[in-house]
Amino acid sequence: MNVALVSVARDSIDEQASAILEFGLPPDVPLLVDADSAMVEAYDVLQYAMPNGEPSHTFVLVSADGQIVWVRDYGAPDNPNRTMYVPTDELIGQIKEHLP
């Protein structure tokens, strides 16, 4: 699909690294630390924040020209099936459906 996956979190590199082990993520997924929330603000995903202000579990698909073409927050309070794990096939289907 010619899509790059990047993990962005306010968690430290050490915390993100332990999550890679815990969830079995491929070791080549880039990990970005967004300690000051600049990226979540730029992509307006704080609207889905948890009650404590922590960004939720949001996926953003950005086209090659920098346009946001799909946003989905699986942990959002208004999502009746809140989850922090999304099956890979579901994500692939959503990405394919929304690729420009």
N, C-alpha and C. Protein backbone atom coordinates (compact mmCIF):
# COMPACT_ATOMS: atom_id res chain seq x y z
N MET A 1 0.82 -1.20 0.00
CA MET A 1 0.00 0.00 0.00
C MET A 1 0.86 1.26 0.00
N ASN A 2 2.16 1.10 0.15
CA ASN A 2 3.08 2.24 0.19
C ASN A 2 2.72 3.20 1.32
N VAL A 3 2.51 2.64 2.51
CA VAL A 3 2.14 3.40 3.70
C VAL A 3 3.20 3.17 4.77
N ALA A 4 3.62 4.24 5.41
CA ALA A 4 4.58 4.13 6.51
C ALA A 4 3.85 4.26 7.83
N LEU A 5 4.20 3.43 8.78
CA LEU A 5 3.61 3.46 10.11
C LEU A 5 4.60 4.14 11.06
N VAL A 6 4.10 5.12 11.81
CA VAL A 6 4.92 5.82 12.80
C VAL A 6 4.13 5.85 14.10
N SER A 7 4.75 5.47 15.19
CA SER A 7 4.12 5.53 16.50
C SER A 7 4.48 6.86 17.16
N VAL A 8 3.46 7.59 17.58
CA VAL A 8 3.67 8.87 18.25
C VAL A 8 3.01 8.79 19.62
N ALA A 9 3.77 9.09 20.67
CA ALA A 9 3.22 9.04 22.02
C ALA A 9 3.96 10.02 22.91
N ARG A 10 3.31 10.41 23.99
CA ARG A 10 3.98 11.26 24.98
C ARG A 10 4.89 10.45 25.87
N ASP A 11 4.76 9.13 25.81
CA ASP A 11 5.59 8.23 26.61
C ASP A 11 7.06 8.38 26.23
N SER A 12 7.93 8.10 27.18
CA SER A 12 9.37 8.15 26.92
C SER A 12 9.76 7.03 25.95
N ILE A 13 10.96 7.13 25.42
CA ILE A 13 11.48 6.08 24.53
C ILE A 13 11.49 4.74 25.26
N ASP A 14 11.89 4.73 26.53
CA ASP A 14 11.92 3.48 27.29
C ASP A 14 10.53 2.88 27.42
N GLU A 15 9.53 3.71 27.71
CA GLU A 15 8.16 3.21 27.83
C GLU A 15 7.66 2.68 26.49
N GLN A 16 7.97 3.39 25.42
CA GLN A 16 7.54 2.93 24.10
C GLN A 16 8.25 1.62 23.72
N ALA A 17 9.53 1.52 24.05
CA ALA A 17 10.29 0.32 23.73
C ALA A 17 9.71 -0.90 24.45
N SER A 18 9.28 -0.73 25.69
CA SER A 18 8.69 -1.86 26.41
C SER A 18 7.34 -2.24 25.80
N ALA A 19 6.61 -1.27 25.25
CA ALA A 19 5.34 -1.57 24.59
C ALA A 19 5.56 -2.37 23.32
N ILE A 20 6.66 -2.10 22.63
CA ILE A 20 7.00 -2.88 21.43
C ILE A 20 7.14 -4.35 21.80
N LEU A 21 7.84 -4.61 22.89
CA LEU A 21 8.00 -5.99 23.34
C LEU A 21 6.67 -6.59 23.78
N GLU A 22 5.91 -5.81 24.55
CA GLU A 22 4.64 -6.30 25.10
C GLU A 22 3.64 -6.65 24.00
N PHE A 23 3.54 -5.80 22.98
CA PHE A 23 2.53 -6.00 21.94
C PHE A 23 3.08 -6.65 20.68
N GLY A 24 4.36 -6.95 20.64
CA GLY A 24 4.94 -7.65 19.51
C GLY A 24 5.01 -6.82 18.24
N LEU A 25 5.20 -5.52 18.38
CA LEU A 25 5.31 -4.66 17.20
C LEU A 25 6.64 -4.90 16.50
N PRO A 26 6.66 -4.73 15.17
CA PRO A 26 7.94 -4.88 14.47
C PRO A 26 8.96 -3.87 14.98
N PRO A 27 10.21 -4.26 15.14
CA PRO A 27 11.22 -3.36 15.70
C PRO A 27 11.58 -2.19 14.77
N ASP A 28 11.14 -2.22 13.51
CA ASP A 28 11.50 -1.15 12.59
C ASP A 28 10.45 -0.03 12.54
N VAL A 29 9.42 -0.09 13.39
CA VAL A 29 8.43 0.99 13.45
C VAL A 29 9.06 2.18 14.16
N PRO A 30 9.13 3.34 13.49
CA PRO A 30 9.72 4.52 14.15
C PRO A 30 8.88 4.94 15.36
N LEU A 31 9.56 5.30 16.44
CA LEU A 31 8.90 5.77 17.65
C LEU A 31 9.22 7.24 17.82
N LEU A 32 8.19 8.07 17.90
CA LEU A 32 8.38 9.50 18.12
C LEU A 32 7.84 9.87 19.48
N VAL A 33 8.61 10.63 20.23
CA VAL A 33 8.17 11.11 21.53
C VAL A 33 7.61 12.52 21.34
N ASP A 34 6.35 12.69 21.72
CA ASP A 34 5.66 13.97 21.58
C ASP A 34 5.43 14.54 22.98
N ALA A 35 6.53 14.76 23.70
CA ALA A 35 6.46 15.16 25.11
C ALA A 35 5.68 16.45 25.34
N ASP A 36 5.74 17.38 24.40
CA ASP A 36 5.04 18.66 24.57
C ASP A 36 3.68 18.69 23.86
N SER A 37 3.25 17.56 23.31
CA SER A 37 1.96 17.42 22.61
C SER A 37 1.84 18.27 21.35
N ALA A 38 2.95 18.70 20.79
CA ALA A 38 2.90 19.52 19.57
C ALA A 38 2.28 18.75 18.41
N MET A 39 2.60 17.47 18.28
CA MET A 39 2.07 16.70 17.16
C MET A 39 0.58 16.41 17.35
N VAL A 40 0.16 16.02 18.56
CA VAL A 40 -1.27 15.73 18.76
C VAL A 40 -2.10 17.00 18.58
N GLU A 41 -1.53 18.14 18.92
CA GLU A 41 -2.23 19.40 18.69
C GLU A 41 -2.30 19.72 17.20
N ALA A 42 -1.20 19.49 16.48
CA ALA A 42 -1.17 19.78 15.05
C ALA A 42 -2.18 18.94 14.28
N TYR A 43 -2.40 17.71 14.72
CA TYR A 43 -3.34 16.83 14.06
C TYR A 43 -4.72 16.82 14.73
N ASP A 44 -4.90 17.70 15.71
CA ASP A 44 -6.18 17.89 16.39
C ASP A 44 -6.75 16.59 16.96
N VAL A 45 -5.91 15.78 17.56
CA VAL A 45 -6.41 14.54 18.13
C VAL A 45 -6.68 14.64 19.62
N LEU A 46 -6.41 15.80 20.23
CA LEU A 46 -6.73 15.94 21.65
C LEU A 46 -8.24 16.02 21.89
N GLN A 47 -9.00 16.20 20.82
CA GLN A 47 -10.46 16.17 20.97
C GLN A 47 -10.93 14.80 21.45
N TYR A 48 -10.10 13.79 21.26
CA TYR A 48 -10.43 12.44 21.69
C TYR A 48 -9.72 12.06 22.99
N ALA A 49 -9.14 13.02 23.68
CA ALA A 49 -8.33 12.74 24.86
C ALA A 49 -9.11 12.01 25.94
N MET A 50 -8.38 11.26 26.72
CA MET A 50 -8.95 10.55 27.86
C MET A 50 -9.30 11.59 28.93
N PRO A 51 -10.12 11.23 29.90
CA PRO A 51 -10.50 12.19 30.94
C PRO A 51 -9.31 12.85 31.65
N ASN A 52 -8.17 12.17 31.70
CA ASN A 52 -6.99 12.75 32.37
C ASN A 52 -6.18 13.65 31.43
N GLY A 53 -6.65 13.85 30.20
CA GLY A 53 -5.96 14.71 29.24
C GLY A 53 -4.97 13.99 28.36
N GLU A 54 -4.77 12.71 28.63
CA GLU A 54 -3.85 11.90 27.82
C GLU A 54 -4.47 11.65 26.44
N PRO A 55 -3.68 11.83 25.37
CA PRO A 55 -4.22 11.52 24.04
C PRO A 55 -4.71 10.08 23.99
N SER A 56 -5.75 9.86 23.25
CA SER A 56 -6.33 8.53 23.15
C SER A 56 -5.57 7.71 22.10
N HIS A 57 -6.17 6.63 21.65
CA HIS A 57 -5.57 5.70 20.70
C HIS A 57 -6.08 6.06 19.31
N THR A 58 -5.43 7.03 18.68
CA THR A 58 -5.91 7.61 17.44
C THR A 58 -5.00 7.26 16.28
N PHE A 59 -5.60 6.91 15.16
CA PHE A 59 -4.88 6.66 13.93
C PHE A 59 -5.18 7.79 12.96
N VAL A 60 -4.15 8.31 12.32
CA VAL A 60 -4.30 9.39 11.34
C VAL A 60 -3.60 8.94 10.07
N LEU A 61 -4.33 8.98 8.96
CA LEU A 61 -3.75 8.65 7.66
C LEU A 61 -3.52 9.95 6.92
N VAL A 62 -2.26 10.21 6.61
CA VAL A 62 -1.86 11.44 5.93
C VAL A 62 -1.38 11.07 4.53
N SER A 63 -1.92 11.74 3.52
CA SER A 63 -1.54 11.46 2.15
C SER A 63 -0.14 11.99 1.87
N ALA A 64 0.42 11.59 0.74
CA ALA A 64 1.76 12.01 0.37
C ALA A 64 1.89 13.52 0.27
N ASP A 65 0.78 14.21 0.00
CA ASP A 65 0.84 15.67 -0.10
C ASP A 65 0.50 16.36 1.22
N GLY A 66 0.45 15.58 2.32
CA GLY A 66 0.27 16.16 3.65
C GLY A 66 -1.16 16.37 4.09
N GLN A 67 -2.13 15.90 3.31
CA GLN A 67 -3.54 16.06 3.68
C GLN A 67 -4.00 14.91 4.58
N ILE A 68 -4.76 15.23 5.61
CA ILE A 68 -5.35 14.19 6.46
C ILE A 68 -6.54 13.62 5.71
N VAL A 69 -6.50 12.31 5.43
CA VAL A 69 -7.57 11.68 4.66
C VAL A 69 -8.43 10.74 5.50
N TRP A 70 -7.96 10.42 6.72
CA TRP A 70 -8.75 9.54 7.59
C TRP A 70 -8.25 9.68 9.01
N VAL A 71 -9.17 9.78 9.95
CA VAL A 71 -8.85 9.81 11.38
C VAL A 71 -9.81 8.85 12.06
N ARG A 72 -9.28 8.02 12.93
CA ARG A 72 -10.14 7.12 13.68
C ARG A 72 -9.56 6.97 15.07
N ASP A 73 -10.38 7.20 16.06
CA ASP A 73 -9.95 7.01 17.44
C ASP A 73 -10.72 5.85 18.04
N TYR A 74 -10.02 4.79 18.31
CA TYR A 74 -10.65 3.58 18.83
C TYR A 74 -10.88 3.64 20.33
N GLY A 75 -10.25 4.58 21.02
CA GLY A 75 -10.41 4.70 22.46
C GLY A 75 -11.27 5.87 22.87
N ALA A 76 -11.87 6.55 21.89
CA ALA A 76 -12.66 7.75 22.18
C ALA A 76 -13.84 7.44 23.09
N PRO A 77 -14.15 8.35 24.00
CA PRO A 77 -15.27 8.13 24.92
C PRO A 77 -16.61 7.88 24.22
N ASP A 78 -16.78 8.44 23.00
CA ASP A 78 -18.05 8.24 22.30
C ASP A 78 -18.06 6.95 21.47
N ASN A 79 -16.99 6.19 21.51
CA ASN A 79 -16.92 4.92 20.80
C ASN A 79 -17.40 3.82 21.76
N PRO A 80 -18.53 3.19 21.46
CA PRO A 80 -19.06 2.18 22.40
C PRO A 80 -18.16 0.96 22.54
N ASN A 81 -17.27 0.74 21.59
CA ASN A 81 -16.37 -0.42 21.64
C ASN A 81 -14.94 0.03 21.88
N ARG A 82 -14.76 0.93 22.85
CA ARG A 82 -13.42 1.47 23.15
C ARG A 82 -12.41 0.34 23.28
N THR A 83 -11.28 0.54 22.66
CA THR A 83 -10.24 -0.47 22.71
C THR A 83 -8.87 0.17 22.51
N MET A 84 -7.85 -0.46 23.00
CA MET A 84 -6.49 -0.02 22.76
C MET A 84 -5.80 -1.00 21.81
N TYR A 85 -6.52 -2.02 21.36
CA TYR A 85 -5.98 -2.95 20.38
C TYR A 85 -6.95 -3.01 19.21
N VAL A 86 -6.40 -2.87 18.02
CA VAL A 86 -7.22 -2.95 16.81
C VAL A 86 -6.62 -4.03 15.92
N PRO A 87 -7.44 -4.98 15.50
CA PRO A 87 -6.91 -6.04 14.64
C PRO A 87 -6.27 -5.46 13.37
N THR A 88 -5.15 -6.03 12.98
CA THR A 88 -4.41 -5.55 11.82
C THR A 88 -5.28 -5.51 10.57
N ASP A 89 -6.08 -6.55 10.35
CA ASP A 89 -6.90 -6.58 9.13
C ASP A 89 -7.92 -5.44 9.10
N GLU A 90 -8.41 -5.03 10.25
CA GLU A 90 -9.35 -3.90 10.30
C GLU A 90 -8.63 -2.60 9.91
N LEU A 91 -7.44 -2.39 10.43
CA LEU A 91 -6.67 -1.20 10.07
C LEU A 91 -6.33 -1.19 8.59
N ILE A 92 -5.90 -2.32 8.06
CA ILE A 92 -5.56 -2.40 6.64
C ILE A 92 -6.79 -2.08 5.79
N GLY A 93 -7.93 -2.60 6.16
CA GLY A 93 -9.16 -2.32 5.42
C GLY A 93 -9.50 -0.83 5.43
N GLN A 94 -9.37 -0.20 6.60
CA GLN A 94 -9.67 1.23 6.70
C GLN A 94 -8.68 2.05 5.87
N ILE A 95 -7.42 1.69 5.91
CA ILE A 95 -6.39 2.40 5.13
C ILE A 95 -6.68 2.27 3.64
N LYS A 96 -6.94 1.04 3.18
CA LYS A 96 -7.23 0.83 1.77
C LYS A 96 -8.44 1.64 1.32
N GLU A 97 -9.46 1.67 2.17
CA GLU A 97 -10.69 2.39 1.82
C GLU A 97 -10.45 3.90 1.69
N HIS A 98 -9.50 4.43 2.44
CA HIS A 98 -9.31 5.88 2.48
C HIS A 98 -8.07 6.39 1.76
N LEU A 99 -7.31 5.51 1.15
CA LEU A 99 -6.15 5.99 0.39
C LEU A 99 -6.65 6.81 -0.81
N PRO A 100 -6.00 7.93 -1.06
CA PRO A 100 -6.43 8.75 -2.21
C PRO A 100 -6.12 8.06 -3.54
